[in-house]
N, C-alpha and C. Protein backbone atom coordinates (compact mmCIF):
# COMPACT_ATOMS: atom_id res chain seq x y z
N MET A 1 96.36 101.88 111.39
CA MET A 1 97.47 102.27 110.56
C MET A 1 97.92 103.70 110.89
N LYS A 2 96.96 104.59 111.18
CA LYS A 2 97.30 105.97 111.47
C LYS A 2 98.26 106.07 112.66
N GLU A 3 97.95 105.31 113.70
CA GLU A 3 98.79 105.35 114.90
C GLU A 3 100.21 104.89 114.58
N ASN A 4 100.32 103.87 113.76
CA ASN A 4 101.65 103.36 113.40
C ASN A 4 102.44 104.36 112.56
N LEU A 5 101.75 105.03 111.63
CA LEU A 5 102.43 106.03 110.82
C LEU A 5 102.92 107.20 111.68
N LEU A 6 102.07 107.62 112.61
CA LEU A 6 102.49 108.69 113.52
C LEU A 6 103.64 108.25 114.42
N LYS A 7 103.59 107.00 114.84
CA LYS A 7 104.67 106.47 115.68
C LYS A 7 106.00 106.53 114.93
N ILE A 8 105.97 106.18 113.66
CA ILE A 8 107.19 106.18 112.85
C ILE A 8 107.75 107.59 112.70
N ILE A 9 106.91 108.54 112.29
CA ILE A 9 107.41 109.89 112.06
C ILE A 9 107.82 110.57 113.36
N ASN A 10 107.12 110.28 114.43
CA ASN A 10 107.50 110.85 115.72
C ASN A 10 108.81 110.24 116.23
N HIS A 11 109.03 108.98 115.91
CA HIS A 11 110.28 108.33 116.34
C HIS A 11 111.50 108.90 115.61
N TYR A 12 111.40 109.01 114.29
CA TYR A 12 112.55 109.44 113.49
C TYR A 12 112.65 110.96 113.37
N GLY A 13 111.51 111.65 113.42
CA GLY A 13 111.48 113.10 113.25
C GLY A 13 111.13 113.48 111.82
N VAL A 14 110.62 114.69 111.67
CA VAL A 14 110.14 115.16 110.37
C VAL A 14 111.28 115.27 109.36
N PHE A 15 112.38 115.90 109.74
CA PHE A 15 113.44 116.14 108.76
C PHE A 15 114.15 114.87 108.32
N PRO A 16 114.44 113.92 109.22
CA PRO A 16 114.98 112.65 108.73
C PRO A 16 114.00 111.92 107.81
N GLN A 17 112.71 112.00 108.12
CA GLN A 17 111.71 111.36 107.26
C GLN A 17 111.60 112.08 105.93
N LEU A 18 111.81 113.39 105.94
CA LEU A 18 111.80 114.14 104.68
C LEU A 18 112.95 113.69 103.79
N LYS A 19 114.12 113.47 104.38
CA LYS A 19 115.25 112.95 103.61
C LYS A 19 114.94 111.55 103.08
N HIS A 20 114.29 110.74 103.92
CA HIS A 20 113.93 109.39 103.50
C HIS A 20 112.91 109.45 102.36
N PHE A 21 111.96 110.37 102.46
CA PHE A 21 110.96 110.55 101.40
C PHE A 21 111.64 110.91 100.09
N ASN A 22 112.63 111.78 100.16
CA ASN A 22 113.37 112.18 98.98
C ASN A 22 113.99 110.96 98.30
N SER A 23 114.55 110.05 99.08
CA SER A 23 115.14 108.85 98.50
C SER A 23 114.07 107.93 97.90
N GLU A 24 112.89 107.89 98.53
CA GLU A 24 111.80 107.07 98.00
C GLU A 24 111.31 107.61 96.66
N VAL A 25 111.22 108.93 96.54
CA VAL A 25 110.80 109.54 95.27
C VAL A 25 111.84 109.24 94.19
N PHE A 26 113.11 109.30 94.56
CA PHE A 26 114.17 108.98 93.61
C PHE A 26 114.04 107.52 93.15
N GLU A 27 113.78 106.61 94.09
CA GLU A 27 113.63 105.20 93.74
C GLU A 27 112.43 104.99 92.81
N LEU A 28 111.36 105.74 93.02
CA LEU A 28 110.19 105.65 92.13
C LEU A 28 110.57 106.13 90.73
N THR A 29 111.28 107.23 90.67
CA THR A 29 111.73 107.76 89.38
C THR A 29 112.58 106.73 88.64
N GLU A 30 113.50 106.14 89.35
CA GLU A 30 114.37 105.12 88.76
C GLU A 30 113.56 103.92 88.28
N ALA A 31 112.56 103.50 89.06
CA ALA A 31 111.73 102.36 88.66
C ALA A 31 110.96 102.66 87.38
N ILE A 32 110.50 103.89 87.24
CA ILE A 32 109.77 104.28 86.03
C ILE A 32 110.71 104.29 84.83
N PHE A 33 111.90 104.84 85.00
CA PHE A 33 112.89 104.81 83.91
C PHE A 33 113.24 103.38 83.53
N GLN A 34 113.39 102.53 84.55
CA GLN A 34 113.74 101.13 84.31
C GLN A 34 112.63 100.43 83.53
N TYR A 35 111.38 100.71 83.87
CA TYR A 35 110.25 100.13 83.16
C TYR A 35 110.29 100.54 81.69
N ASP A 36 110.51 101.82 81.45
CA ASP A 36 110.53 102.32 80.08
C ASP A 36 111.66 101.67 79.29
N ALA A 37 112.82 101.55 79.90
CA ALA A 37 113.97 100.93 79.22
C ALA A 37 113.69 99.45 78.94
N GLN A 38 113.09 98.75 79.90
CA GLN A 38 112.79 97.33 79.73
C GLN A 38 111.75 97.14 78.64
N LYS A 39 110.74 98.00 78.64
CA LYS A 39 109.69 97.90 77.62
C LYS A 39 110.28 98.10 76.23
N GLN A 40 111.15 99.10 76.10
CA GLN A 40 111.81 99.37 74.82
C GLN A 40 112.65 98.17 74.38
N ALA A 41 113.40 97.62 75.32
CA ALA A 41 114.25 96.47 75.01
C ALA A 41 113.41 95.28 74.57
N CYS A 42 112.31 95.06 75.26
CA CYS A 42 111.44 93.93 74.91
C CYS A 42 110.79 94.12 73.53
N GLU A 43 110.46 95.35 73.21
CA GLU A 43 109.90 95.62 71.88
C GLU A 43 110.95 95.37 70.80
N ASN A 44 112.19 95.70 71.09
CA ASN A 44 113.25 95.54 70.11
C ASN A 44 113.67 94.08 69.91
N ILE A 45 113.74 93.31 71.01
CA ILE A 45 114.23 91.92 70.89
C ILE A 45 113.15 90.88 71.09
N GLY A 46 111.94 91.33 71.46
CA GLY A 46 110.84 90.39 71.57
C GLY A 46 110.85 89.51 72.80
N CYS A 47 111.28 90.03 73.95
CA CYS A 47 111.28 89.21 75.16
C CYS A 47 109.87 89.10 75.74
N SER A 48 109.72 88.25 76.72
CA SER A 48 108.39 88.00 77.29
C SER A 48 107.94 89.15 78.17
N ARG A 49 106.66 89.15 78.47
CA ARG A 49 106.06 90.18 79.32
C ARG A 49 106.51 90.06 80.77
N ILE A 50 107.12 88.97 81.13
CA ILE A 50 107.53 88.75 82.52
C ILE A 50 108.42 89.88 83.02
N HIS A 51 109.36 90.30 82.18
CA HIS A 51 110.28 91.37 82.57
C HIS A 51 109.53 92.69 82.77
N ILE A 52 108.62 92.97 81.87
CA ILE A 52 107.84 94.21 81.96
C ILE A 52 106.95 94.17 83.20
N ASP A 53 106.31 93.03 83.43
CA ASP A 53 105.43 92.90 84.60
C ASP A 53 106.22 93.06 85.90
N LYS A 54 107.43 92.54 85.94
CA LYS A 54 108.27 92.68 87.13
C LYS A 54 108.62 94.15 87.37
N CYS A 55 108.89 94.87 86.30
CA CYS A 55 109.17 96.31 86.42
C CYS A 55 107.94 97.06 86.91
N LYS A 56 106.76 96.64 86.44
CA LYS A 56 105.51 97.26 86.88
C LYS A 56 105.29 97.03 88.38
N GLU A 57 105.59 95.82 88.83
CA GLU A 57 105.48 95.51 90.26
C GLU A 57 106.42 96.39 91.07
N HIS A 58 107.61 96.63 90.54
CA HIS A 58 108.57 97.48 91.21
C HIS A 58 108.04 98.92 91.32
N ILE A 59 107.41 99.41 90.27
CA ILE A 59 106.80 100.74 90.31
C ILE A 59 105.73 100.80 91.39
N ALA A 60 104.88 99.78 91.44
CA ALA A 60 103.81 99.74 92.45
C ALA A 60 104.39 99.77 93.86
N GLU A 61 105.47 99.04 94.07
CA GLU A 61 106.13 99.01 95.38
C GLU A 61 106.67 100.39 95.75
N GLU A 62 107.28 101.05 94.80
CA GLU A 62 107.85 102.38 95.07
C GLU A 62 106.75 103.42 95.28
N ILE A 63 105.64 103.30 94.56
CA ILE A 63 104.51 104.20 94.80
C ILE A 63 103.98 103.99 96.21
N ALA A 64 103.88 102.74 96.64
CA ALA A 64 103.43 102.44 98.00
C ALA A 64 104.36 103.07 99.03
N ASP A 65 105.67 102.98 98.80
CA ASP A 65 106.63 103.60 99.72
C ASP A 65 106.39 105.11 99.81
N CYS A 66 106.14 105.74 98.67
CA CYS A 66 105.89 107.19 98.65
C CYS A 66 104.59 107.52 99.38
N TYR A 67 103.54 106.71 99.18
CA TYR A 67 102.29 106.92 99.89
C TYR A 67 102.48 106.82 101.40
N VAL A 68 103.26 105.85 101.84
CA VAL A 68 103.52 105.69 103.27
C VAL A 68 104.14 106.97 103.83
N MET A 69 105.13 107.48 103.12
CA MET A 69 105.80 108.70 103.58
C MET A 69 104.84 109.89 103.54
N LEU A 70 104.09 110.04 102.46
CA LEU A 70 103.14 111.16 102.35
C LEU A 70 102.08 111.10 103.46
N ASN A 71 101.61 109.90 103.75
CA ASN A 71 100.62 109.75 104.81
C ASN A 71 101.19 110.12 106.17
N GLN A 72 102.47 109.83 106.39
CA GLN A 72 103.10 110.24 107.64
C GLN A 72 103.06 111.76 107.79
N PHE A 73 103.44 112.48 106.72
CA PHE A 73 103.44 113.94 106.77
C PHE A 73 102.02 114.49 106.93
N GLN A 74 101.09 113.89 106.22
CA GLN A 74 99.70 114.33 106.30
C GLN A 74 99.19 114.20 107.74
N LEU A 75 99.44 113.08 108.35
CA LEU A 75 98.98 112.87 109.73
C LEU A 75 99.73 113.76 110.71
N TYR A 76 101.02 113.88 110.54
CA TYR A 76 101.84 114.68 111.44
C TYR A 76 101.35 116.13 111.47
N TYR A 77 101.01 116.66 110.30
CA TYR A 77 100.56 118.05 110.22
C TYR A 77 99.05 118.20 110.33
N GLY A 78 98.34 117.10 110.53
CA GLY A 78 96.90 117.15 110.73
C GLY A 78 96.13 117.68 109.54
N ILE A 79 96.51 117.24 108.36
CA ILE A 79 95.85 117.69 107.13
C ILE A 79 94.81 116.64 106.73
N GLU A 80 93.59 117.09 106.55
CA GLU A 80 92.48 116.19 106.22
C GLU A 80 92.50 115.81 104.74
N ASN A 81 91.97 114.63 104.45
CA ASN A 81 91.87 114.17 103.06
C ASN A 81 91.09 115.16 102.20
N LYS A 82 90.03 115.72 102.77
CA LYS A 82 89.19 116.64 102.02
C LYS A 82 89.99 117.82 101.50
N GLN A 83 90.88 118.37 102.35
CA GLN A 83 91.69 119.50 101.92
C GLN A 83 92.62 119.11 100.77
N ILE A 84 93.20 117.94 100.86
CA ILE A 84 94.10 117.47 99.80
C ILE A 84 93.32 117.25 98.51
N GLU A 85 92.15 116.61 98.62
CA GLU A 85 91.33 116.34 97.44
C GLU A 85 90.88 117.63 96.76
N GLU A 86 90.48 118.63 97.56
CA GLU A 86 90.06 119.91 96.98
C GLU A 86 91.22 120.60 96.28
N THR A 87 92.39 120.55 96.90
CA THR A 87 93.57 121.17 96.30
C THR A 87 93.97 120.44 95.03
N MET A 88 93.89 119.11 95.05
CA MET A 88 94.19 118.33 93.85
C MET A 88 93.24 118.70 92.72
N LYS A 89 91.95 118.78 93.05
CA LYS A 89 90.97 119.13 92.01
C LYS A 89 91.29 120.49 91.41
N PHE A 90 91.60 121.47 92.26
CA PHE A 90 91.95 122.79 91.78
C PHE A 90 93.16 122.74 90.85
N LYS A 91 94.19 122.02 91.25
CA LYS A 91 95.42 121.95 90.45
C LYS A 91 95.20 121.20 89.13
N ILE A 92 94.40 120.15 89.16
CA ILE A 92 94.09 119.41 87.94
C ILE A 92 93.31 120.29 86.97
N ASP A 93 92.29 120.97 87.49
CA ASP A 93 91.49 121.86 86.64
C ASP A 93 92.36 122.96 86.05
N ARG A 94 93.25 123.53 86.86
CA ARG A 94 94.14 124.59 86.37
C ARG A 94 95.05 124.08 85.27
N GLN A 95 95.57 122.87 85.44
CA GLN A 95 96.44 122.31 84.41
C GLN A 95 95.68 122.02 83.13
N LEU A 96 94.46 121.53 83.25
CA LEU A 96 93.64 121.28 82.07
C LEU A 96 93.34 122.58 81.33
N GLU A 97 93.14 123.67 82.07
CA GLU A 97 92.96 124.98 81.42
C GLU A 97 94.22 125.35 80.63
N ARG A 98 95.38 125.12 81.21
CA ARG A 98 96.63 125.43 80.52
C ARG A 98 96.76 124.60 79.24
N ILE A 99 96.39 123.34 79.33
CA ILE A 99 96.46 122.47 78.15
C ILE A 99 95.52 122.98 77.07
N ASN A 100 94.31 123.36 77.47
CA ASN A 100 93.33 123.89 76.50
C ASN A 100 93.86 125.15 75.82
N LYS A 101 94.55 126.01 76.57
CA LYS A 101 95.11 127.23 75.98
C LYS A 101 96.23 126.92 75.01
N GLU A 102 96.96 125.83 75.25
CA GLU A 102 98.04 125.42 74.36
C GLU A 102 97.50 124.94 73.01
N ASN A 103 96.30 124.36 73.03
CA ASN A 103 95.72 123.79 71.81
C ASN A 103 94.97 124.79 71.04
């Protein structure tokens, strides 16, 4: 999979892929809004879970698209998972500290 992701980003280039990533993030945002609206509508009129489940599937698809793009950038710039995980842990801990200070 790594070779294929690198092939894609090398073929299109970083900046065109960055623009594509931007559109994928927008699509994810829209899918989340759509889920929330569908859930609200179903609670109000009592529709089946099928609509909500379909919206959830759409969110999963858009998250996958974002992961594909993020993995391309990660591989292109040679960033290891460990570095990302350590940075994530730092940022999560920092945010939890901020939440604790708010309370």
